[in-house]
Amino acid sequence: MAKIVVIEDDLTFLDLLRVHLAGAGHEVLTAEDAVLGLRAIIASAPDLILLDLAVPYLDGFEMIEALRTDPATRNIPVIVLTGRGDDETYSRARELGAAQLLTKPVERDLLMRAIDGQLGSSKPHPGKK
């Protein structure tokens, strides 16, 4: 189906996401920090990115900013996963270009609907094969 990069530093949650996404037929690449995440994104040109806001080296907001300034990654939908559900976090993520924000713990069905919704409405992005 789709190629998805998941950037999450909670290894248990990361593995759970990988299992759910792979079980739904997606190709899943995982990263435990922002540097590994950016490398995976550049190397794989994913269809979607799941991004925790609290990852090592760059926070999720900085990652979104970096992705949106690069023509090769600017149109890849980013779904933010966070433990912070406050209005300021939501507003900032949307202003920076996140497609959606989901608060942890997120129910599997809600996550899968969000992913399906983004993949169904995403535009092809430059560099996509």
N, C-alpha and C. Protein backbone atom coordinates (compact mmCIF):
# COMPACT_ATOMS: atom_id res chain seq x y z
N MET A 1 0.83 -1.19 0.00
CA MET A 1 0.00 0.00 0.00
C MET A 1 0.88 1.25 0.00
N ALA A 2 1.16 1.79 1.18
CA ALA A 2 1.92 3.05 1.28
C ALA A 2 3.22 2.84 2.04
N LYS A 3 4.16 3.73 1.78
CA LYS A 3 5.42 3.74 2.53
C LYS A 3 5.28 4.80 3.61
N ILE A 4 5.46 4.39 4.87
CA ILE A 4 5.28 5.28 6.01
C ILE A 4 6.54 5.28 6.87
N VAL A 5 7.02 6.48 7.19
CA VAL A 5 8.13 6.62 8.13
C VAL A 5 7.54 7.01 9.48
N VAL A 6 7.89 6.25 10.52
CA VAL A 6 7.42 6.52 11.88
C VAL A 6 8.62 6.96 12.70
N ILE A 7 8.51 8.16 13.30
CA ILE A 7 9.58 8.70 14.13
C ILE A 7 9.04 8.82 15.55
N GLU A 8 9.55 7.96 16.43
CA GLU A 8 9.03 7.84 17.80
C GLU A 8 10.14 7.29 18.68
N ASP A 9 10.37 7.93 19.83
CA ASP A 9 11.46 7.47 20.70
C ASP A 9 11.01 6.48 21.77
N ASP A 10 9.73 6.27 21.95
CA ASP A 10 9.22 5.24 22.87
C ASP A 10 9.23 3.93 22.08
N LEU A 11 10.20 3.07 22.38
CA LEU A 11 10.42 1.87 21.58
C LEU A 11 9.23 0.91 21.61
N THR A 12 8.53 0.83 22.73
CA THR A 12 7.36 -0.04 22.81
C THR A 12 6.25 0.49 21.89
N PHE A 13 6.00 1.79 21.95
CA PHE A 13 4.98 2.39 21.10
C PHE A 13 5.39 2.32 19.63
N LEU A 14 6.67 2.54 19.35
CA LEU A 14 7.19 2.45 17.99
C LEU A 14 6.94 1.05 17.41
N ASP A 15 7.23 0.04 18.20
CA ASP A 15 7.03 -1.34 17.74
C ASP A 15 5.54 -1.62 17.52
N LEU A 16 4.70 -1.12 18.39
CA LEU A 16 3.26 -1.31 18.26
C LEU A 16 2.76 -0.64 16.97
N LEU A 17 3.22 0.57 16.70
CA LEU A 17 2.85 1.25 15.46
C LEU A 17 3.31 0.46 14.24
N ARG A 18 4.53 -0.02 14.30
CA ARG A 18 5.07 -0.81 13.18
C ARG A 18 4.22 -2.04 12.92
N VAL A 19 3.84 -2.75 13.96
CA VAL A 19 3.02 -3.96 13.82
C VAL A 19 1.66 -3.63 13.21
N HIS A 20 1.00 -2.59 13.71
CA HIS A 20 -0.32 -2.20 13.18
C HIS A 20 -0.23 -1.79 11.72
N LEU A 21 0.75 -0.98 11.39
CA LEU A 21 0.87 -0.48 10.02
C LEU A 21 1.25 -1.59 9.05
N ALA A 22 2.21 -2.43 9.43
CA ALA A 22 2.61 -3.54 8.58
C ALA A 22 1.44 -4.52 8.41
N GLY A 23 0.69 -4.72 9.48
CA GLY A 23 -0.48 -5.59 9.41
C GLY A 23 -1.55 -5.07 8.46
N ALA A 24 -1.57 -3.76 8.25
CA ALA A 24 -2.51 -3.14 7.31
C ALA A 24 -1.94 -3.10 5.89
N GLY A 25 -0.75 -3.68 5.71
CA GLY A 25 -0.16 -3.77 4.38
C GLY A 25 0.79 -2.66 4.01
N HIS A 26 1.11 -1.79 4.94
CA HIS A 26 2.02 -0.67 4.64
C HIS A 26 3.48 -1.09 4.79
N GLU A 27 4.34 -0.45 4.02
CA GLU A 27 5.78 -0.60 4.20
C GLU A 27 6.16 0.41 5.28
N VAL A 28 6.80 -0.05 6.35
CA VAL A 28 7.07 0.81 7.50
C VAL A 28 8.57 0.92 7.73
N LEU A 29 9.03 2.17 7.82
CA LEU A 29 10.41 2.46 8.19
C LEU A 29 10.33 3.18 9.53
N THR A 30 11.18 2.82 10.48
CA THR A 30 11.10 3.42 11.80
C THR A 30 12.40 4.13 12.15
N ALA A 31 12.26 5.13 13.02
CA ALA A 31 13.41 5.89 13.51
C ALA A 31 13.13 6.30 14.95
N GLU A 32 14.17 6.27 15.77
CA GLU A 32 14.03 6.59 17.19
C GLU A 32 14.39 8.04 17.51
N ASP A 33 14.90 8.77 16.54
CA ASP A 33 15.24 10.17 16.77
C ASP A 33 15.12 10.95 15.47
N ALA A 34 15.25 12.26 15.57
CA ALA A 34 15.04 13.14 14.41
C ALA A 34 16.08 12.92 13.32
N VAL A 35 17.32 12.70 13.69
CA VAL A 35 18.37 12.52 12.69
C VAL A 35 18.11 11.27 11.86
N LEU A 36 17.84 10.15 12.55
CA LEU A 36 17.54 8.91 11.82
C LEU A 36 16.25 9.06 11.02
N GLY A 37 15.30 9.80 11.55
CA GLY A 37 14.05 10.04 10.85
C GLY A 37 14.25 10.80 9.56
N LEU A 38 15.03 11.88 9.62
CA LEU A 38 15.29 12.66 8.41
C LEU A 38 16.04 11.83 7.38
N ARG A 39 16.99 11.02 7.83
CA ARG A 39 17.71 10.14 6.90
C ARG A 39 16.75 9.17 6.21
N ALA A 40 15.84 8.58 6.98
CA ALA A 40 14.87 7.63 6.41
C ALA A 40 13.95 8.33 5.41
N ILE A 41 13.55 9.55 5.72
CA ILE A 41 12.66 10.30 4.84
C ILE A 41 13.37 10.63 3.52
N ILE A 42 14.60 11.10 3.61
CA ILE A 42 15.36 11.46 2.41
C ILE A 42 15.63 10.23 1.55
N ALA A 43 15.98 9.12 2.20
CA ALA A 43 16.33 7.91 1.46
C ALA A 43 15.13 7.21 0.84
N SER A 44 13.95 7.36 1.43
CA SER A 44 12.82 6.53 1.00
C SER A 44 11.68 7.26 0.32
N ALA A 45 11.63 8.59 0.38
CA ALA A 45 10.52 9.37 -0.19
C ALA A 45 9.17 8.75 0.21
N PRO A 46 8.84 8.78 1.50
CA PRO A 46 7.61 8.11 1.96
C PRO A 46 6.34 8.83 1.50
N ASP A 47 5.25 8.10 1.62
CA ASP A 47 3.93 8.65 1.31
C ASP A 47 3.35 9.41 2.50
N LEU A 48 3.83 9.09 3.71
CA LEU A 48 3.29 9.67 4.93
C LEU A 48 4.32 9.57 6.04
N ILE A 49 4.28 10.53 6.97
CA ILE A 49 5.18 10.52 8.12
C ILE A 49 4.33 10.58 9.39
N LEU A 50 4.61 9.67 10.33
CA LEU A 50 4.04 9.75 11.67
C LEU A 50 5.16 10.26 12.56
N LEU A 51 4.91 11.37 13.26
CA LEU A 51 5.98 12.06 13.98
C LEU A 51 5.58 12.39 15.41
N ASP A 52 6.34 11.88 16.36
CA ASP A 52 6.19 12.27 17.76
C ASP A 52 6.83 13.65 17.92
N LEU A 53 6.21 14.51 18.69
CA LEU A 53 6.78 15.85 18.89
C LEU A 53 8.02 15.83 19.79
N ALA A 54 8.13 14.86 20.66
CA ALA A 54 9.23 14.84 21.63
C ALA A 54 10.24 13.76 21.26
N VAL A 55 11.02 14.02 20.22
CA VAL A 55 12.07 13.09 19.83
C VAL A 55 13.43 13.76 20.02
N PRO A 56 14.47 12.95 20.25
CA PRO A 56 15.81 13.53 20.45
C PRO A 56 16.34 14.28 19.23
N TYR A 57 17.20 15.25 19.51
CA TYR A 57 17.98 16.06 18.57
C TYR A 57 17.23 17.24 17.97
N LEU A 58 16.03 17.06 17.47
CA LEU A 58 15.17 18.16 17.02
C LEU A 58 13.79 17.84 17.58
N ASP A 59 13.07 18.86 18.00
CA ASP A 59 11.71 18.51 18.40
C ASP A 59 10.85 18.39 17.15
N GLY A 60 9.65 17.88 17.31
CA GLY A 60 8.77 17.66 16.18
C GLY A 60 8.45 18.91 15.41
N PHE A 61 8.32 20.04 16.11
CA PHE A 61 8.05 21.31 15.42
C PHE A 61 9.20 21.66 14.48
N GLU A 62 10.43 21.51 14.95
CA GLU A 62 11.60 21.79 14.11
C GLU A 62 11.66 20.84 12.91
N MET A 63 11.27 19.60 13.14
CA MET A 63 11.24 18.62 12.04
C MET A 63 10.24 19.03 10.98
N ILE A 64 9.05 19.44 11.41
CA ILE A 64 8.03 19.86 10.44
C ILE A 64 8.53 21.06 9.64
N GLU A 65 9.14 22.03 10.34
CA GLU A 65 9.70 23.20 9.64
C GLU A 65 10.73 22.78 8.59
N ALA A 66 11.62 21.87 8.96
CA ALA A 66 12.65 21.41 8.03
C ALA A 66 12.02 20.70 6.83
N LEU A 67 11.02 19.87 7.09
CA LEU A 67 10.36 19.15 6.00
C LEU A 67 9.64 20.10 5.05
N ARG A 68 9.04 21.14 5.59
CA ARG A 68 8.25 22.07 4.76
C ARG A 68 9.12 23.02 3.95
N THR A 69 10.40 23.19 4.33
CA THR A 69 11.27 24.07 3.56
C THR A 69 11.98 23.36 2.42
N ASP A 70 11.93 22.04 2.39
CA ASP A 70 12.61 21.26 1.36
C ASP A 70 11.59 20.85 0.29
N PRO A 71 11.81 21.23 -0.97
CA PRO A 71 10.86 20.88 -2.04
C PRO A 71 10.61 19.37 -2.15
N ALA A 72 11.60 18.55 -1.80
CA ALA A 72 11.45 17.11 -1.91
C ALA A 72 10.52 16.53 -0.85
N THR A 73 10.32 17.26 0.26
CA THR A 73 9.51 16.72 1.36
C THR A 73 8.31 17.59 1.72
N ARG A 74 8.18 18.73 1.09
CA ARG A 74 7.18 19.71 1.53
C ARG A 74 5.75 19.21 1.43
N ASN A 75 5.46 18.31 0.49
CA ASN A 75 4.09 17.85 0.32
C ASN A 75 3.78 16.50 0.96
N ILE A 76 4.73 15.94 1.69
CA ILE A 76 4.46 14.67 2.37
C ILE A 76 3.60 14.95 3.60
N PRO A 77 2.43 14.31 3.70
CA PRO A 77 1.59 14.55 4.88
C PRO A 77 2.29 14.08 6.16
N VAL A 78 2.18 14.90 7.20
CA VAL A 78 2.75 14.58 8.51
C VAL A 78 1.61 14.52 9.51
N ILE A 79 1.48 13.35 10.14
CA ILE A 79 0.53 13.20 11.24
C ILE A 79 1.35 13.24 12.52
N VAL A 80 1.05 14.20 13.37
CA VAL A 80 1.77 14.38 14.63
C VAL A 80 1.11 13.52 15.70
N LEU A 81 1.95 12.81 16.45
CA LEU A 81 1.51 12.04 17.61
C LEU A 81 2.13 12.68 18.84
N THR A 82 1.31 13.02 19.81
CA THR A 82 1.85 13.71 20.98
C THR A 82 1.04 13.41 22.22
N GLY A 83 1.68 13.53 23.35
CA GLY A 83 1.00 13.43 24.63
C GLY A 83 0.40 14.76 25.04
N ARG A 84 0.74 15.81 24.30
CA ARG A 84 0.23 17.15 24.61
C ARG A 84 -1.02 17.41 23.76
N GLY A 85 -2.14 17.65 24.41
CA GLY A 85 -3.37 17.89 23.68
C GLY A 85 -3.87 19.31 23.80
N ASP A 86 -3.00 20.24 24.20
CA ASP A 86 -3.43 21.62 24.41
C ASP A 86 -3.59 22.36 23.09
N ASP A 87 -4.36 23.43 23.12
CA ASP A 87 -4.66 24.21 21.92
C ASP A 87 -3.40 24.82 21.29
N GLU A 88 -2.46 25.25 22.11
CA GLU A 88 -1.24 25.86 21.58
C GLU A 88 -0.44 24.86 20.75
N THR A 89 -0.31 23.64 21.25
CA THR A 89 0.41 22.59 20.51
C THR A 89 -0.30 22.30 19.20
N TYR A 90 -1.61 22.15 19.26
CA TYR A 90 -2.39 21.86 18.07
C TYR A 90 -2.24 23.00 17.04
N SER A 91 -2.40 24.22 17.49
CA SER A 91 -2.32 25.38 16.59
C SER A 91 -0.94 25.50 15.95
N ARG A 92 0.10 25.33 16.74
CA ARG A 92 1.45 25.46 16.20
C ARG A 92 1.74 24.37 15.18
N ALA A 93 1.33 23.14 15.47
CA ALA A 93 1.54 22.04 14.53
C ALA A 93 0.83 22.31 13.21
N ARG A 94 -0.39 22.80 13.27
CA ARG A 94 -1.15 23.10 12.05
C ARG A 94 -0.53 24.27 11.29
N GLU A 95 -0.10 25.30 12.01
CA GLU A 95 0.53 26.46 11.35
C GLU A 95 1.80 26.06 10.61
N LEU A 96 2.54 25.12 11.17
CA LEU A 96 3.79 24.68 10.54
C LEU A 96 3.56 23.73 9.37
N GLY A 97 2.35 23.20 9.27
CA GLY A 97 2.05 22.35 8.13
C GLY A 97 1.72 20.91 8.42
N ALA A 98 1.52 20.55 9.69
CA ALA A 98 1.09 19.19 10.00
C ALA A 98 -0.31 18.97 9.44
N ALA A 99 -0.52 17.80 8.88
CA ALA A 99 -1.82 17.48 8.31
C ALA A 99 -2.84 17.20 9.40
N GLN A 100 -2.36 16.61 10.49
CA GLN A 100 -3.26 16.21 11.57
C GLN A 100 -2.46 16.04 12.85
N LEU A 101 -3.14 16.16 13.99
CA LEU A 101 -2.52 15.95 15.29
C LEU A 101 -3.38 14.97 16.07
N LEU A 102 -2.77 13.89 16.54
CA LEU A 102 -3.46 12.90 17.35
C LEU A 102 -2.79 12.85 18.72
N THR A 103 -3.62 12.80 19.76
CA THR A 103 -3.11 12.77 21.12
C THR A 103 -2.94 11.32 21.59
N LYS A 104 -1.77 11.04 22.17
CA LYS A 104 -1.49 9.72 22.73
C LYS A 104 -2.15 9.60 24.09
N PRO A 105 -2.58 8.44 24.47
CA PRO A 105 -2.58 7.22 23.66
C PRO A 105 -3.68 7.31 22.60
N VAL A 106 -3.35 6.88 21.41
CA VAL A 106 -4.29 6.96 20.30
C VAL A 106 -4.86 5.57 20.04
N GLU A 107 -6.15 5.50 19.82
CA GLU A 107 -6.78 4.22 19.51
C GLU A 107 -6.38 3.79 18.11
N ARG A 108 -6.18 2.51 17.94
CA ARG A 108 -5.75 1.96 16.66
C ARG A 108 -6.68 2.37 15.52
N ASP A 109 -8.00 2.24 15.72
CA ASP A 109 -8.94 2.56 14.65
C ASP A 109 -8.88 4.04 14.25
N LEU A 110 -8.73 4.93 15.23
CA LEU A 110 -8.61 6.36 14.95
C LEU A 110 -7.34 6.63 14.14
N LEU A 111 -6.25 6.02 14.55
CA LEU A 111 -4.98 6.19 13.84
C LEU A 111 -5.10 5.70 12.40
N MET A 112 -5.68 4.52 12.21
CA MET A 112 -5.79 3.97 10.86
C MET A 112 -6.72 4.82 9.98
N ARG A 113 -7.79 5.35 10.55
CA ARG A 113 -8.67 6.25 9.78
C ARG A 113 -7.93 7.53 9.38
N ALA A 114 -7.13 8.07 10.31
CA ALA A 114 -6.35 9.27 10.01
C ALA A 114 -5.36 9.00 8.89
N ILE A 115 -4.69 7.88 8.95
CA ILE A 115 -3.71 7.52 7.92
C ILE A 115 -4.42 7.32 6.58
N ASP A 116 -5.50 6.56 6.58
CA ASP A 116 -6.24 6.33 5.34
C ASP A 116 -6.75 7.65 4.76
N GLY A 117 -7.21 8.54 5.62
CA GLY A 117 -7.69 9.84 5.15
C GLY A 117 -6.59 10.66 4.50
N GLN A 118 -5.41 10.65 5.06
CA GLN A 118 -4.29 11.41 4.50
C GLN A 118 -3.78 10.78 3.21
N LEU A 119 -3.72 9.48 3.17
CA LEU A 119 -3.23 8.81 1.97
C LEU A 119 -4.21 8.95 0.82
N GLY A 120 -5.48 8.99 1.14
CA GLY A 120 -6.49 9.14 0.11
C GLY A 120 -6.53 10.53 -0.48
N SER A 121 -6.10 11.53 0.33
CA SER A 121 -6.19 12.91 -0.13
C SER A 121 -4.82 13.53 -0.44
N SER A 122 -3.77 12.75 -0.27
CA SER A 122 -2.44 13.34 -0.47
C SER A 122 -2.13 13.50 -1.95
N LYS A 123 -1.43 14.58 -2.25
CA LYS A 123 -1.00 14.86 -3.61
C LYS A 123 0.35 14.20 -3.83
N PRO A 124 0.64 13.82 -5.07
CA PRO A 124 2.00 13.31 -5.34
C PRO A 124 3.02 14.39 -4.99
N HIS A 125 4.14 13.98 -4.47
CA HIS A 125 5.16 14.97 -4.14
C HIS A 125 6.40 14.74 -5.00
N PRO A 126 7.16 15.80 -5.20
CA PRO A 126 8.36 15.68 -6.03
C PRO A 126 9.28 14.60 -5.50
N GLY A 127 9.86 13.85 -6.40
CA GLY A 127 10.79 12.81 -5.99
C GLY A 127 10.12 11.48 -5.71
N LYS A 128 8.80 11.45 -5.73
CA LYS A 128 8.09 10.19 -5.47
C LYS A 128 8.21 9.29 -6.68
N LYS A 129 8.49 8.03 -6.43
CA LYS A 129 8.66 7.07 -7.52
C LYS A 129 7.36 6.38 -7.80
